[in-house]
Amino acid sequence: MSGTLRARALRLLARREHARAELARKLSPYAESSAALDALLDDLSARRLLSDERYVEMRLNARGARFGNARLACELRAQGVSEDLVAAALATSDNELTRARQVWQRKFGDQSGLLDATERARQTRFLMSRGFSGETIRRIIRGDFEDD
């Protein structure tokens, strides 16, 4: 059974990177015991086939340009990535203000004129749903695109 469990794990890892907790969740219905599953995951980690660091990097590359730090952190935590690893990855990622400005410009174009309250609220809700911080959103809506 452990051979088929290993094959199943390798098939999943061949498709894309997985976090350790995510792979454990997917493989647990097929494992004989939790000890066998832990041993397999330890072996895959030792062989560098399974890496939370690579998973975080892949996830940030895939979704980082469209979402804010809060949403990215929430998604990574939901997949079982440690808080320290999430914080370190977000600290080294692109500036949130730059990403928010790019997302805002793709969605709303260059609206440098004065916005009415309804339009400001709509744009604020959009950026909030993407996980950008309140301060970043205020700066985007005001048109303050300069990095501090």
C-alpha atoms as a PDB file:
ATOM      1  CA  MET A   1       0.000   0.000   0.000  1.00  0.00           C
ATOM      2  CA  SER A   2       2.842   2.421   0.751  1.00  0.00           C
ATOM      3  CA  GLY A   3       4.087   1.991  -2.837  1.00  0.00           C
ATOM      4  CA  THR A   4       0.764   3.146  -4.193  1.00  0.00           C
ATOM      5  CA  LEU A   5       0.684   5.948  -1.649  1.00  0.00           C
ATOM      6  CA  ARG A   6       4.132   7.064  -2.814  1.00  0.00           C
ATOM      7  CA  ALA A   7       3.014   6.864  -6.450  1.00  0.00           C
ATOM      8  CA  ARG A   8      -0.088   8.903  -5.660  1.00  0.00           C
ATOM      9  CA  ALA A   9       2.032  11.521  -3.872  1.00  0.00           C
ATOM     10  CA  LEU A  10       4.463  11.728  -6.786  1.00  0.00           C
ATOM     11  CA  ARG A  11       1.596  12.115  -9.257  1.00  0.00           C
ATOM     12  CA  LEU A  12       0.214  15.015  -7.230  1.00  0.00           C
ATOM     13  CA  LEU A  13       3.641  16.632  -6.944  1.00  0.00           C
ATOM     14  CA  ALA A  14       4.272  16.202 -10.673  1.00  0.00           C
ATOM     15  CA  ARG A  15       1.249  18.361 -11.439  1.00  0.00           C
ATOM     16  CA  ARG A  16       2.190  21.251  -9.148  1.00  0.00           C
ATOM     17  CA  GLU A  17       3.842  22.121  -5.849  1.00  0.00           C
ATOM     18  CA  HIS A  18       1.887  21.283  -2.700  1.00  0.00           C
ATOM     19  CA  ALA A  19       2.275  22.405   0.890  1.00  0.00           C
ATOM     20  CA  ARG A  20       3.018  19.579   3.313  1.00  0.00           C
ATOM     21  CA  ALA A  21      -0.336  19.926   5.096  1.00  0.00           C
ATOM     22  CA  GLU A  22      -2.221  20.075   1.798  1.00  0.00           C
ATOM     23  CA  LEU A  23      -0.535  16.905   0.514  1.00  0.00           C
ATOM     24  CA  ALA A  24      -1.186  15.158   3.839  1.00  0.00           C
ATOM     25  CA  ARG A  25      -4.866  16.081   3.599  1.00  0.00           C
ATOM     26  CA  LYS A  26      -5.115  14.725   0.062  1.00  0.00           C
ATOM     27  CA  LEU A  27      -3.294  11.478   0.865  1.00  0.00           C
ATOM     28  CA  SER A  28      -4.810  10.712   4.279  1.00  0.00           C
ATOM     29  CA  PRO A  29      -7.812   8.744   2.930  1.00  0.00           C
ATOM     30  CA  TYR A  30      -5.396   6.363   1.176  1.00  0.00           C
ATOM     31  CA  ALA A  31      -2.829   5.927   3.976  1.00  0.00           C
ATOM     32  CA  GLU A  32      -2.795   2.818   6.158  1.00  0.00           C
ATOM     33  CA  SER A  33      -1.837   4.885   9.187  1.00  0.00           C
ATOM     34  CA  SER A  34      -0.853   8.403  10.052  1.00  0.00           C
ATOM     35  CA  ALA A  35       2.651   7.159  10.906  1.00  0.00           C
ATOM     36  CA  ALA A  36       3.075   5.775   7.377  1.00  0.00           C
ATOM     37  CA  LEU A  37       1.861   9.047   5.909  1.00  0.00           C
ATOM     38  CA  ASP A  38       4.224  11.085   8.103  1.00  0.00           C
ATOM     39  CA  ALA A  39       7.124   8.820   7.128  1.00  0.00           C
ATOM     40  CA  LEU A  40       6.326   9.279   3.439  1.00  0.00           C
ATOM     41  CA  LEU A  41       6.072  13.060   3.789  1.00  0.00           C
ATOM     42  CA  ASP A  42       9.357  13.155   5.723  1.00  0.00           C
ATOM     43  CA  ASP A  43      11.029  11.103   2.987  1.00  0.00           C
ATOM     44  CA  LEU A  44       9.679  13.377   0.251  1.00  0.00           C
ATOM     45  CA  SER A  45      10.896  16.428   2.182  1.00  0.00           C
ATOM     46  CA  ALA A  46      14.338  14.878   2.708  1.00  0.00           C
ATOM     47  CA  ARG A  47      14.597  14.216  -1.030  1.00  0.00           C
ATOM     48  CA  ARG A  48      13.513  17.832  -1.639  1.00  0.00           C
ATOM     49  CA  LEU A  49      10.469  16.735  -3.612  1.00  0.00           C
ATOM     50  CA  LEU A  50       8.171  18.419  -1.110  1.00  0.00           C
ATOM     51  CA  SER A  51       8.946  21.942   0.068  1.00  0.00           C
ATOM     52  CA  ASP A  52       6.717  24.511   1.725  1.00  0.00           C
ATOM     53  CA  GLU A  53       9.180  27.225   0.654  1.00  0.00           C
ATOM     54  CA  ARG A  54       8.808  26.301  -3.019  1.00  0.00           C
ATOM     55  CA  TYR A  55       5.031  26.096  -2.602  1.00  0.00           C
ATOM     56  CA  VAL A  56       4.896  29.609  -1.134  1.00  0.00           C
ATOM     57  CA  GLU A  57       7.112  30.954  -3.911  1.00  0.00           C
ATOM     58  CA  MET A  58       4.946  29.296  -6.571  1.00  0.00           C
ATOM     59  CA  ARG A  59       1.753  30.595  -4.978  1.00  0.00           C
ATOM     60  CA  LEU A  60       3.070  34.165  -4.737  1.00  0.00           C
ATOM     61  CA  ASN A  61       4.253  34.086  -8.350  1.00  0.00           C
ATOM     62  CA  ALA A  62       0.899  32.785  -9.534  1.00  0.00           C
ATOM     63  CA  ARG A  63      -1.409  35.034  -7.511  1.00  0.00           C
ATOM     64  CA  GLY A  64       0.745  37.824  -6.113  1.00  0.00           C
ATOM     65  CA  ALA A  65       0.171  40.269  -8.949  1.00  0.00           C
ATOM     66  CA  ARG A  66      -3.615  40.204  -8.486  1.00  0.00           C
ATOM     67  CA  PHE A  67      -4.079  40.094  -4.721  1.00  0.00           C
ATOM     68  CA  GLY A  68      -3.028  41.941  -1.586  1.00  0.00           C
ATOM     69  CA  ASN A  69      -0.937  40.659   1.288  1.00  0.00           C
ATOM     70  CA  ALA A  70      -3.924  39.928   3.533  1.00  0.00           C
ATOM     71  CA  ARG A  71      -5.579  37.629   1.007  1.00  0.00           C
ATOM     72  CA  LEU A  72      -2.329  35.896   0.068  1.00  0.00           C
ATOM     73  CA  ALA A  73      -1.506  35.296   3.735  1.00  0.00           C
ATOM     74  CA  CYS A  74      -4.988  33.915   4.392  1.00  0.00           C
ATOM     75  CA  GLU A  75      -4.753  31.516   1.433  1.00  0.00           C
ATOM     76  CA  LEU A  76      -1.313  30.288   2.493  1.00  0.00           C
ATOM     77  CA  ARG A  77      -2.411  29.777   6.101  1.00  0.00           C
ATOM     78  CA  ALA A  78      -5.454  27.834   4.867  1.00  0.00           C
ATOM     79  CA  GLN A  79      -3.091  25.437   3.096  1.00  0.00           C
ATOM     80  CA  GLY A  80      -1.177  24.817   6.324  1.00  0.00           C
ATOM     81  CA  VAL A  81       1.903  26.955   5.709  1.00  0.00           C
ATOM     82  CA  SER A  82       3.580  28.182   8.899  1.00  0.00           C
ATOM     83  CA  GLU A  83       3.068  31.784   9.973  1.00  0.00           C
ATOM     84  CA  ASP A  84       6.834  32.454   9.970  1.00  0.00           C
ATOM     85  CA  LEU A  85       7.172  31.283   6.379  1.00  0.00           C
ATOM     86  CA  VAL A  86       4.167  33.370   5.294  1.00  0.00           C
ATOM     87  CA  ALA A  87       5.539  36.507   6.966  1.00  0.00           C
ATOM     88  CA  ALA A  88       9.006  36.017   5.473  1.00  0.00           C
ATOM     89  CA  ALA A  89       7.626  35.457   1.982  1.00  0.00           C
ATOM     90  CA  LEU A  90       5.364  38.506   2.080  1.00  0.00           C
ATOM     91  CA  ALA A  91       8.198  40.665   3.403  1.00  0.00           C
ATOM     92  CA  THR A  92      10.278  39.816   0.331  1.00  0.00           C
ATOM     93  CA  SER A  93       7.411  40.098  -2.175  1.00  0.00           C
ATOM     94  CA  ASP A  94       6.708  43.105  -4.388  1.00  0.00           C
ATOM     95  CA  ASN A  95       5.437  46.312  -2.844  1.00  0.00           C
ATOM     96  CA  GLU A  96       1.711  46.063  -2.109  1.00  0.00           C
ATOM     97  CA  LEU A  97       1.081  49.651  -3.238  1.00  0.00           C
ATOM     98  CA  THR A  98       2.570  48.924  -6.656  1.00  0.00           C
ATOM     99  CA  ARG A  99       0.508  45.765  -7.063  1.00  0.00           C
ATOM    100  CA  ALA A 100      -2.677  47.538  -5.917  1.00  0.00           C
ATOM    101  CA  ARG A 101      -2.111  50.377  -8.361  1.00  0.00           C
ATOM    102  CA  GLN A 102      -1.643  47.915 -11.242  1.00  0.00           C
ATOM    103  CA  VAL A 103      -4.808  46.003 -10.312  1.00  0.00           C
ATOM    104  CA  TRP A 104      -6.753  49.253  -9.920  1.00  0.00           C
ATOM    105  CA  GLN A 105      -5.557  50.627 -13.279  1.00  0.00           C
ATOM    106  CA  ARG A 106      -6.428  47.381 -15.096  1.00  0.00           C
ATOM    107  CA  LYS A 107      -9.939  47.463 -13.653  1.00  0.00           C
ATOM    108  CA  PHE A 108     -10.763  51.169 -13.658  1.00  0.00           C
ATOM    109  CA  GLY A 109      -8.304  52.798 -16.061  1.00  0.00           C
ATOM    110  CA  ASP A 110      -6.700  56.134 -15.312  1.00  0.00           C
ATOM    111  CA  GLN A 111      -9.356  57.999 -13.343  1.00  0.00           C
ATOM    112  CA  SER A 112      -7.351  60.957 -12.184  1.00  0.00           C
ATOM    113  CA  GLY A 113     -10.430  63.204 -11.891  1.00  0.00           C
ATOM    114  CA  LEU A 114     -12.539  63.604  -8.791  1.00  0.00           C
ATOM    115  CA  LEU A 115     -14.659  60.557  -7.967  1.00  0.00           C
ATOM    116  CA  ASP A 116     -18.086  60.743  -6.415  1.00  0.00           C
ATOM    117  CA  ALA A 117     -18.767  58.869  -3.182  1.00  0.00           C
ATOM    118  CA  THR A 118     -20.516  55.962  -4.914  1.00  0.00           C
ATOM    119  CA  GLU A 119     -17.613  55.323  -7.286  1.00  0.00           C
ATOM    120  CA  ARG A 120     -15.052  55.652  -4.473  1.00  0.00           C
ATOM    121  CA  ALA A 121     -17.009  53.097  -2.432  1.00  0.00           C
ATOM    122  CA  ARG A 122     -17.200  50.719  -5.395  1.00  0.00           C
ATOM    123  CA  GLN A 123     -13.471  50.940  -6.037  1.00  0.00           C
ATOM    124  CA  THR A 124     -12.709  50.558  -2.331  1.00  0.00           C
ATOM    125  CA  ARG A 125     -14.863  47.418  -2.117  1.00  0.00           C
ATOM    126  CA  PHE A 126     -13.115  45.966  -5.142  1.00  0.00           C
ATOM    127  CA  LEU A 127      -9.641  46.517  -3.688  1.00  0.00           C
ATOM    128  CA  MET A 128     -10.744  45.229  -0.276  1.00  0.00           C
ATOM    129  CA  SER A 129     -12.067  42.039  -1.859  1.00  0.00           C
ATOM    130  CA  ARG A 130      -8.637  41.550  -3.385  1.00  0.00           C
ATOM    131  CA  GLY A 131      -7.033  41.686   0.079  1.00  0.00           C
ATOM    132  CA  PHE A 132      -5.241  45.013  -0.024  1.00  0.00           C
ATOM    133  CA  SER A 133      -4.721  46.926   3.220  1.00  0.00           C
ATOM    134  CA  GLY A 134      -6.839  49.918   4.170  1.00  0.00           C
ATOM    135  CA  GLU A 135      -3.926  52.333   3.997  1.00  0.00           C
ATOM    136  CA  THR A 136      -2.964  51.091   0.537  1.00  0.00           C
ATOM    137  CA  ILE A 137      -6.554  51.475  -0.674  1.00  0.00           C
ATOM    138  CA  ARG A 138      -6.801  55.026   0.703  1.00  0.00           C
ATOM    139  CA  ARG A 139      -3.607  55.975  -1.112  1.00  0.00           C
ATOM    140  CA  ILE A 140      -4.823  54.480  -4.396  1.00  0.00           C
ATOM    141  CA  ILE A 141      -8.210  56.215  -4.212  1.00  0.00           C
ATOM    142  CA  ARG A 142      -6.533  59.556  -3.352  1.00  0.00           C
ATOM    143  CA  GLY A 143      -4.115  59.111  -6.264  1.00  0.00           C
ATOM    144  CA  ASP A 144      -1.033  58.996  -4.016  1.00  0.00           C
ATOM    145  CA  PHE A 145       1.055  56.456  -5.948  1.00  0.00           C
ATOM    146  CA  GLU A 146       4.444  57.445  -4.539  1.00  0.00           C
ATOM    147  CA  ASP A 147       6.212  54.823  -2.415  1.00  0.00           C
ATOM    148  CA  ASP A 148       7.415  55.932   0.994  1.00  0.00           C
END
